[in-house]
Amino acid sequence: PGGEPVRVPEADAGELVALGRLEGVATGAVLGDPG
């Protein structure tokens, strides 16, 4: 909000959020259901 990062406990379906420390996860990767 306002362009400044604010940590939140969860994100709902449809949201775009930033996730921390997913090192090794490439751009385009799908998490939660490989299928």
PDB file of all heavy atoms in Angstrom:
ATOM      1  N   PRO A   1       0.856  -1.200   0.000  1.00  0.00           N
ATOM      2  CA  PRO A   1       0.000   0.000   0.000  1.00  0.00           C
ATOM      3  C   PRO A   1       0.890   1.247   0.000  1.00  0.00           C
ATOM      4  O   PRO A   1       1.866   1.326   0.752  1.00  0.00           O
ATOM      5  CB  PRO A   1      -0.787  -0.135   1.316  1.00  0.00           C
ATOM      6  CG  PRO A   1       0.090  -0.986   2.187  1.00  0.00           C
ATOM      7  CD  PRO A   1       0.784  -1.942   1.272  1.00  0.00           C
ATOM      8  N   GLY A   2       0.549   2.196  -0.871  1.00  0.00           N
ATOM      9  CA  GLY A   2       1.383   3.389  -0.971  1.00  0.00           C
ATOM     10  C   GLY A   2       2.767   3.097  -1.491  1.00  0.00           C
ATOM     11  O   GLY A   2       3.683   3.916  -1.326  1.00  0.00           O
ATOM     12  N   GLY A   3       2.944   1.943  -2.100  1.00  0.00           N
ATOM     13  CA  GLY A   3       4.237   1.579  -2.652  1.00  0.00           C
ATOM     14  C   GLY A   3       5.238   1.098  -1.632  1.00  0.00           C
ATOM     15  O   GLY A   3       6.383   0.794  -1.984  1.00  0.00           O
ATOM     16  N   GLU A   4       4.854   1.018  -0.360  1.00  0.00           N
ATOM     17  CA  GLU A   4       5.768   0.604   0.701  1.00  0.00           C
ATOM     18  C   GLU A   4       5.429  -0.802   1.170  1.00  0.00           C
ATOM     19  O   GLU A   4       4.250  -1.150   1.324  1.00  0.00           O
ATOM     20  CB  GLU A   4       5.677   1.574   1.887  1.00  0.00           C
ATOM     21  CG  GLU A   4       6.065   3.007   1.545  1.00  0.00           C
ATOM     22  CD  GLU A   4       7.510   3.113   1.106  1.00  0.00           C
ATOM     23  OE1 GLU A   4       8.385   2.485   1.738  1.00  0.00           O
ATOM     24  OE2 GLU A   4       7.775   3.840   0.125  1.00  0.00           O
ATOM     25  N   PRO A   5       6.438  -1.641   1.414  1.00  0.00           N
ATOM     26  CA  PRO A   5       6.165  -3.018   1.843  1.00  0.00           C
ATOM     27  C   PRO A   5       5.577  -3.088   3.249  1.00  0.00           C
ATOM     28  O   PRO A   5       6.056  -2.427   4.170  1.00  0.00           O
ATOM     29  CB  PRO A   5       7.548  -3.682   1.786  1.00  0.00           C
ATOM     30  CG  PRO A   5       8.524  -2.549   1.932  1.00  0.00           C
ATOM     31  CD  PRO A   5       7.881  -1.368   1.281  1.00  0.00           C
ATOM     32  N   VAL A   6       4.524  -3.870   3.386  1.00  0.00           N
ATOM     33  CA  VAL A   6       3.890  -4.100   4.681  1.00  0.00           C
ATOM     34  C   VAL A   6       3.690  -5.606   4.835  1.00  0.00           C
ATOM     35  O   VAL A   6       3.066  -6.246   3.983  1.00  0.00           O
ATOM     36  CB  VAL A   6       2.528  -3.376   4.791  1.00  0.00           C
ATOM     37  CG1 VAL A   6       1.827  -3.768   6.085  1.00  0.00           C
ATOM     38  CG2 VAL A   6       2.716  -1.875   4.715  1.00  0.00           C
ATOM     39  N   ARG A   7       4.214  -6.155   5.898  1.00  0.00           N
ATOM     40  CA  ARG A   7       4.110  -7.605   6.099  1.00  0.00           C
ATOM     41  C   ARG A   7       2.700  -7.966   6.562  1.00  0.00           C
ATOM     42  O   ARG A   7       2.122  -7.289   7.431  1.00  0.00           O
ATOM     43  CB  ARG A   7       5.137  -8.078   7.112  1.00  0.00           C
ATOM     44  CG  ARG A   7       5.240  -9.591   7.218  1.00  0.00           C
ATOM     45  CD  ARG A   7       6.572 -10.022   7.767  1.00  0.00           C
ATOM     46  NE  ARG A   7       6.645 -11.473   7.890  1.00  0.00           N
ATOM     47  CZ  ARG A   7       7.773 -12.144   8.101  1.00  0.00           C
ATOM     48  NH1 ARG A   7       8.916 -11.466   8.197  1.00  0.00           N
ATOM     49  NH2 ARG A   7       7.770 -13.450   8.204  1.00  0.00           N
ATOM     50  N   VAL A   8       2.152  -9.036   5.976  1.00  0.00           N
ATOM     51  CA  VAL A   8       0.805  -9.495   6.317  1.00  0.00           C
ATOM     52  C   VAL A   8       0.857 -10.992   6.593  1.00  0.00           C
ATOM     53  O   VAL A   8       1.761 -11.697   6.122  1.00  0.00           O
ATOM     54  CB  VAL A   8      -0.195  -9.191   5.174  1.00  0.00           C
ATOM     55  CG1 VAL A   8      -0.352  -7.693   4.976  1.00  0.00           C
ATOM     56  CG2 VAL A   8       0.252  -9.863   3.878  1.00  0.00           C
ATOM     57  N   PRO A   9      -0.099 -11.501   7.356  1.00  0.00           N
ATOM     58  CA  PRO A   9      -0.056 -12.924   7.722  1.00  0.00           C
ATOM     59  C   PRO A   9      -0.511 -13.863   6.613  1.00  0.00           C
ATOM     60  O   PRO A   9      -0.154 -15.049   6.618  1.00  0.00           O
ATOM     61  CB  PRO A   9      -0.982 -13.011   8.933  1.00  0.00           C
ATOM     62  CG  PRO A   9      -1.945 -11.874   8.738  1.00  0.00           C
ATOM     63  CD  PRO A   9      -1.159 -10.785   8.102  1.00  0.00           C
ATOM     64  N   GLU A  10      -1.315 -13.356   5.671  1.00  0.00           N
ATOM     65  CA  GLU A  10      -1.843 -14.228   4.632  1.00  0.00           C
ATOM     66  C   GLU A  10      -2.270 -13.421   3.416  1.00  0.00           C
ATOM     67  O   GLU A  10      -2.389 -12.195   3.468  1.00  0.00           O
ATOM     68  CB  GLU A  10      -3.023 -15.046   5.160  1.00  0.00           C
ATOM     69  CG  GLU A  10      -4.211 -14.202   5.588  1.00  0.00           C
ATOM     70  CD  GLU A  10      -5.329 -15.030   6.204  1.00  0.00           C
ATOM     71  OE1 GLU A  10      -5.024 -16.060   6.822  1.00  0.00           O
ATOM     72  OE2 GLU A  10      -6.504 -14.634   6.041  1.00  0.00           O
ATOM     73  N   ALA A  11      -2.480 -14.130   2.319  1.00  0.00           N
ATOM     74  CA  ALA A  11      -2.945 -13.503   1.077  1.00  0.00           C
ATOM     75  C   ALA A  11      -4.045 -14.359   0.481  1.00  0.00           C
ATOM     76  O   ALA A  11      -3.960 -15.593   0.466  1.00  0.00           O
ATOM     77  CB  ALA A  11      -1.793 -13.360   0.088  1.00  0.00           C
ATOM     78  N   ASP A  12      -5.084 -13.685  -0.027  1.00  0.00           N
ATOM     79  CA  ASP A  12      -6.241 -14.381  -0.586  1.00  0.00           C
ATOM     80  C   ASP A  12      -6.053 -14.683  -2.071  1.00  0.00           C
ATOM     81  O   ASP A  12      -5.202 -14.085  -2.752  1.00  0.00           O
ATOM     82  CB  ASP A  12      -7.499 -13.532  -0.414  1.00  0.00           C
ATOM     83  CG  ASP A  12      -7.861 -13.344   1.048  1.00  0.00           C
ATOM     84  OD1 ASP A  12      -7.628 -14.272   1.838  1.00  0.00           O
ATOM     85  OD2 ASP A  12      -8.359 -12.247   1.397  1.00  0.00           O
ATOM     86  N   ALA A  13      -6.896 -15.579  -2.576  1.00  0.00           N
ATOM     87  CA  ALA A  13      -6.895 -15.893  -4.002  1.00  0.00           C
ATOM     88  C   ALA A  13      -7.154 -14.622  -4.802  1.00  0.00           C
ATOM     89  O   ALA A  13      -8.050 -13.842  -4.484  1.00  0.00           O
ATOM     90  CB  ALA A  13      -7.957 -16.941  -4.312  1.00  0.00           C
ATOM     91  N   GLY A  14      -6.365 -14.415  -5.826  1.00  0.00           N
ATOM     92  CA  GLY A  14      -6.492 -13.229  -6.661  1.00  0.00           C
ATOM     93  C   GLY A  14      -5.480 -12.154  -6.338  1.00  0.00           C
ATOM     94  O   GLY A  14      -5.277 -11.228  -7.133  1.00  0.00           O
ATOM     95  N   GLU A  15      -4.819 -12.243  -5.191  1.00  0.00           N
ATOM     96  CA  GLU A  15      -3.860 -11.209  -4.799  1.00  0.00           C
ATOM     97  C   GLU A  15      -2.499 -11.434  -5.441  1.00  0.00           C
ATOM     98  O   GLU A  15      -2.074 -12.582  -5.682  1.00  0.00           O
ATOM     99  CB  GLU A  15      -3.700 -11.185  -3.281  1.00  0.00           C
ATOM    100  CG  GLU A  15      -4.814 -10.480  -2.543  1.00  0.00           C
ATOM    101  CD  GLU A  15      -4.396 -10.106  -1.134  1.00  0.00           C
ATOM    102  OE1 GLU A  15      -3.841  -9.007  -0.958  1.00  0.00           O
ATOM    103  OE2 GLU A  15      -4.626 -10.922  -0.229  1.00  0.00           O
ATOM    104  N   LEU A  16      -1.808 -10.321  -5.683  1.00  0.00           N
ATOM    105  CA  LEU A  16      -0.398 -10.340  -6.058  1.00  0.00           C
ATOM    106  C   LEU A  16       0.380  -9.868  -4.848  1.00  0.00           C
ATOM    107  O   LEU A  16       0.125  -8.779  -4.318  1.00  0.00           O
ATOM    108  CB  LEU A  16      -0.126  -9.412  -7.245  1.00  0.00           C
ATOM    109  CG  LEU A  16      -1.008  -9.569  -8.481  1.00  0.00           C
ATOM    110  CD1 LEU A  16      -0.515  -8.650  -9.597  1.00  0.00           C
ATOM    111  CD2 LEU A  16      -1.026 -11.006  -8.962  1.00  0.00           C
ATOM    112  N   VAL A  17       1.327 -10.670  -4.392  1.00  0.00           N
ATOM    113  CA  VAL A  17       2.089 -10.344  -3.186  1.00  0.00           C
ATOM    114  C   VAL A  17       3.554 -10.704  -3.400  1.00  0.00           C
ATOM    115  O   VAL A  17       3.916 -11.423  -4.346  1.00  0.00           O
ATOM    116  CB  VAL A  17       1.543 -11.106  -1.955  1.00  0.00           C
ATOM    117  CG1 VAL A  17       0.182 -10.574  -1.549  1.00  0.00           C
ATOM    118  CG2 VAL A  17       1.481 -12.612  -2.226  1.00  0.00           C
ATOM    119  N   ALA A  18       4.384 -10.188  -2.514  1.00  0.00           N
ATOM    120  CA  ALA A  18       5.802 -10.543  -2.514  1.00  0.00           C
ATOM    121  C   ALA A  18       6.052 -11.560  -1.414  1.00  0.00           C
ATOM    122  O   ALA A  18       5.554 -11.412  -0.292  1.00  0.00           O
ATOM    123  CB  ALA A  18       6.659  -9.302  -2.297  1.00  0.00           C
ATOM    124  N   LEU A  19       6.820 -12.589  -1.739  1.00  0.00           N
ATOM    125  CA  LEU A  19       7.105 -13.677  -0.809  1.00  0.00           C
ATOM    126  C   LEU A  19       8.599 -13.697  -0.518  1.00  0.00           C
ATOM    127  O   LEU A  19       9.421 -13.553  -1.432  1.00  0.00           O
ATOM    128  CB  LEU A  19       6.661 -15.023  -1.390  1.00  0.00           C
ATOM    129  CG  LEU A  19       5.225 -15.071  -1.932  1.00  0.00           C
ATOM    130  CD1 LEU A  19       4.953 -16.421  -2.588  1.00  0.00           C
ATOM    131  CD2 LEU A  19       4.229 -14.797  -0.819  1.00  0.00           C
ATOM    132  N   GLY A  20       8.936 -13.895   0.750  1.00  0.00           N
ATOM    133  CA  GLY A  20      10.336 -13.866   1.146  1.00  0.00           C
ATOM    134  C   GLY A  20      10.997 -15.225   1.148  1.00  0.00           C
ATOM    135  O   GLY A  20      10.368 -16.253   1.408  1.00  0.00           O
ATOM    136  N   ARG A  21      12.286 -15.215   0.794  1.00  0.00           N
ATOM    137  CA  ARG A  21      13.192 -16.360   0.935  1.00  0.00           C
ATOM    138  C   ARG A  21      12.746 -17.611   0.187  1.00  0.00           C
ATOM    139  O   ARG A  21      12.837 -18.717   0.718  1.00  0.00           O
ATOM    140  CB  ARG A  21      13.427 -16.663   2.418  1.00  0.00           C
ATOM    141  CG  ARG A  21      14.129 -15.523   3.158  1.00  0.00           C
ATOM    142  CD  ARG A  21      14.702 -16.008   4.470  1.00  0.00           C
ATOM    143  NE  ARG A  21      13.688 -16.421   5.419  1.00  0.00           N
ATOM    144  CZ  ARG A  21      13.055 -15.604   6.249  1.00  0.00           C
ATOM    145  NH1 ARG A  21      13.307 -14.304   6.211  1.00  0.00           N
ATOM    146  NH2 ARG A  21      12.173 -16.063   7.097  1.00  0.00           N
ATOM    147  N   LEU A  22      12.293 -17.440  -1.043  1.00  0.00           N
ATOM    148  CA  LEU A  22      12.024 -18.610  -1.880  1.00  0.00           C
ATOM    149  C   LEU A  22      13.235 -18.851  -2.789  1.00  0.00           C
ATOM    150  O   LEU A  22      13.132 -18.896  -4.010  1.00  0.00           O
ATOM    151  CB  LEU A  22      10.765 -18.391  -2.724  1.00  0.00           C
ATOM    152  CG  LEU A  22       9.439 -18.287  -1.974  1.00  0.00           C
ATOM    153  CD1 LEU A  22       8.281 -18.154  -2.960  1.00  0.00           C
ATOM    154  CD2 LEU A  22       9.220 -19.506  -1.070  1.00  0.00           C
ATOM    155  N   GLU A  23      14.409 -18.969  -2.182  1.00  0.00           N
ATOM    156  CA  GLU A  23      15.633 -19.083  -2.956  1.00  0.00           C
ATOM    157  C   GLU A  23      15.635 -20.386  -3.755  1.00  0.00           C
ATOM    158  O   GLU A  23      15.275 -21.450  -3.260  1.00  0.00           O
ATOM    159  CB  GLU A  23      16.845 -19.003  -2.034  1.00  0.00           C
ATOM    160  CG  GLU A  23      16.936 -17.646  -1.319  1.00  0.00           C
ATOM    161  CD  GLU A  23      18.217 -17.482  -0.529  1.00  0.00           C
ATOM    162  OE1 GLU A  23      19.242 -18.018  -0.981  1.00  0.00           O
ATOM    163  OE2 GLU A  23      18.189 -16.833   0.523  1.00  0.00           O
ATOM    164  N   GLY A  24      16.045 -20.257  -5.009  1.00  0.00           N
ATOM    165  CA  GLY A  24      16.082 -21.415  -5.893  1.00  0.00           C
ATOM    166  C   GLY A  24      14.800 -21.631  -6.671  1.00  0.00           C
ATOM    167  O   GLY A  24      14.752 -22.490  -7.553  1.00  0.00           O
ATOM    168  N   VAL A  25      13.744 -20.870  -6.355  1.00  0.00           N
ATOM    169  CA  VAL A  25      12.478 -20.983  -7.083  1.00  0.00           C
ATOM    170  C   VAL A  25      12.525 -20.021  -8.267  1.00  0.00           C
ATOM    171  O   VAL A  25      12.642 -18.810  -8.093  1.00  0.00           O
ATOM    172  CB  VAL A  25      11.276 -20.665  -6.180  1.00  0.00           C
ATOM    173  CG1 VAL A  25       9.976 -20.716  -6.980  1.00  0.00           C
ATOM    174  CG2 VAL A  25      11.222 -21.649  -5.013  1.00  0.00           C
ATOM    175  N   ALA A  26      12.437 -20.552  -9.470  1.00  0.00           N
ATOM    176  CA  ALA A  26      12.638 -19.749 -10.673  1.00  0.00           C
ATOM    177  C   ALA A  26      11.391 -18.957 -11.041  1.00  0.00           C
ATOM    178  O   ALA A  26      10.265 -19.308 -10.650  1.00  0.00           O
ATOM    179  CB  ALA A  26      13.042 -20.653 -11.840  1.00  0.00           C
ATOM    180  N   THR A  27      11.597 -17.895 -11.793  1.00  0.00           N
ATOM    181  CA  THR A  27      10.487 -17.127 -12.354  1.00  0.00           C
ATOM    182  C   THR A  27       9.628 -18.040 -13.225  1.00  0.00           C
ATOM    183  O   THR A  27      10.138 -18.779 -14.065  1.00  0.00           O
ATOM    184  CB  THR A  27      11.023 -15.960 -13.199  1.00  0.00           C
ATOM    185  OG1 THR A  27      11.836 -15.127 -12.383  1.00  0.00           O
ATOM    186  CG2 THR A  27       9.888 -15.151 -13.781  1.00  0.00           C
ATOM    187  N   GLY A  28       8.316 -17.998 -13.010  1.00  0.00           N
ATOM    188  CA  GLY A  28       7.395 -18.848 -13.762  1.00  0.00           C
ATOM    189  C   GLY A  28       7.011 -20.118 -13.037  1.00  0.00           C
ATOM    190  O   GLY A  28       6.082 -20.822 -13.464  1.00  0.00           O
ATOM    191  N   ALA A  29       7.696 -20.431 -11.937  1.00  0.00           N
ATOM    192  CA  ALA A  29       7.415 -21.676 -11.209  1.00  0.00           C
ATOM    193  C   ALA A  29       6.029 -21.638 -10.573  1.00  0.00           C
ATOM    194  O   ALA A  29       5.535 -20.589 -10.162  1.00  0.00           O
ATOM    195  CB  ALA A  29       8.471 -21.903 -10.137  1.00  0.00           C
ATOM    196  N   VAL A  30       5.406 -22.808 -10.505  1.00  0.00           N
ATOM    197  CA  VAL A  30       4.096 -22.965  -9.875  1.00  0.00           C
ATOM    198  C   VAL A  30       4.280 -23.737  -8.578  1.00  0.00           C
ATOM    199  O   VAL A  30       4.877 -24.823  -8.567  1.00  0.00           O
ATOM    200  CB  VAL A  30       3.118 -23.704 -10.809  1.00  0.00           C
ATOM    201  CG1 VAL A  30       1.802 -23.986 -10.086  1.00  0.00           C
ATOM    202  CG2 VAL A  30       2.852 -22.882 -12.063  1.00  0.00           C
ATOM    203  N   LEU A  31       3.767 -23.184  -7.486  1.00  0.00           N
ATOM    204  CA  LEU A  31       3.893 -23.803  -6.171  1.00  0.00           C
ATOM    205  C   LEU A  31       2.534 -24.285  -5.698  1.00  0.00           C
ATOM    206  O   LEU A  31       1.546 -23.569  -5.807  1.00  0.00           O
ATOM    207  CB  LEU A  31       4.448 -22.791  -5.163  1.00  0.00           C
ATOM    208  CG  LEU A  31       5.750 -22.072  -5.542  1.00  0.00           C
ATOM    209  CD1 LEU A  31       6.117 -21.050  -4.481  1.00  0.00           C
ATOM    210  CD2 LEU A  31       6.874 -23.064  -5.752  1.00  0.00           C
ATOM    211  N   GLY A  32       2.507 -25.494  -5.169  1.00  0.00           N
ATOM    212  CA  GLY A  32       1.279 -26.018  -4.577  1.00  0.00           C
ATOM    213  C   GLY A  32       0.664 -27.160  -5.340  1.00  0.00           C
ATOM    214  O   GLY A  32      -0.008 -28.008  -4.757  1.00  0.00           O
ATOM    215  N   ASP A  33       0.856 -27.207  -6.654  1.00  0.00           N
ATOM    216  CA  ASP A  33       0.272 -28.271  -7.465  1.00  0.00           C
ATOM    217  C   ASP A  33       1.061 -28.372  -8.767  1.00  0.00           C
ATOM    218  O   ASP A  33       0.775 -27.645  -9.722  1.00  0.00           O
ATOM    219  CB  ASP A  33      -1.202 -27.988  -7.751  1.00  0.00           C
ATOM    220  CG  ASP A  33      -1.860 -29.101  -8.586  1.00  0.00           C
ATOM    221  OD1 ASP A  33      -1.179 -30.108  -8.862  1.00  0.00           O
ATOM    222  OD2 ASP A  33      -3.038 -28.945  -8.942  1.00  0.00           O
ATOM    223  N   PRO A  34       2.069 -29.248  -8.818  1.00  0.00           N
ATOM    224  CA  PRO A  34       2.889 -29.355 -10.026  1.00  0.00           C
ATOM    225  C   PRO A  34       2.077 -29.633 -11.285  1.00  0.00           C
ATOM    226  O   PRO A  34       2.442 -29.213 -12.378  1.00  0.00           O
ATOM    227  CB  PRO A  34       3.828 -30.536  -9.708  1.00  0.00           C
ATOM    228  CG  PRO A  34       3.860 -30.604  -8.210  1.00  0.00           C
ATOM    229  CD  PRO A  34       2.507 -30.180  -7.761  1.00  0.00           C
ATOM    230  N   GLY A  35       0.932 -30.278 -11.128  1.00  0.00           N
ATOM    231  CA  GLY A  35       0.102 -30.584 -12.280  1.00  0.00           C
ATOM    232  C   GLY A  35      -0.556 -29.373 -12.892  1.00  0.00           C
ATOM    233  O   GLY A  35      -1.054 -29.421 -14.024  1.00  0.00           O
TER     234      GLY A  35
END
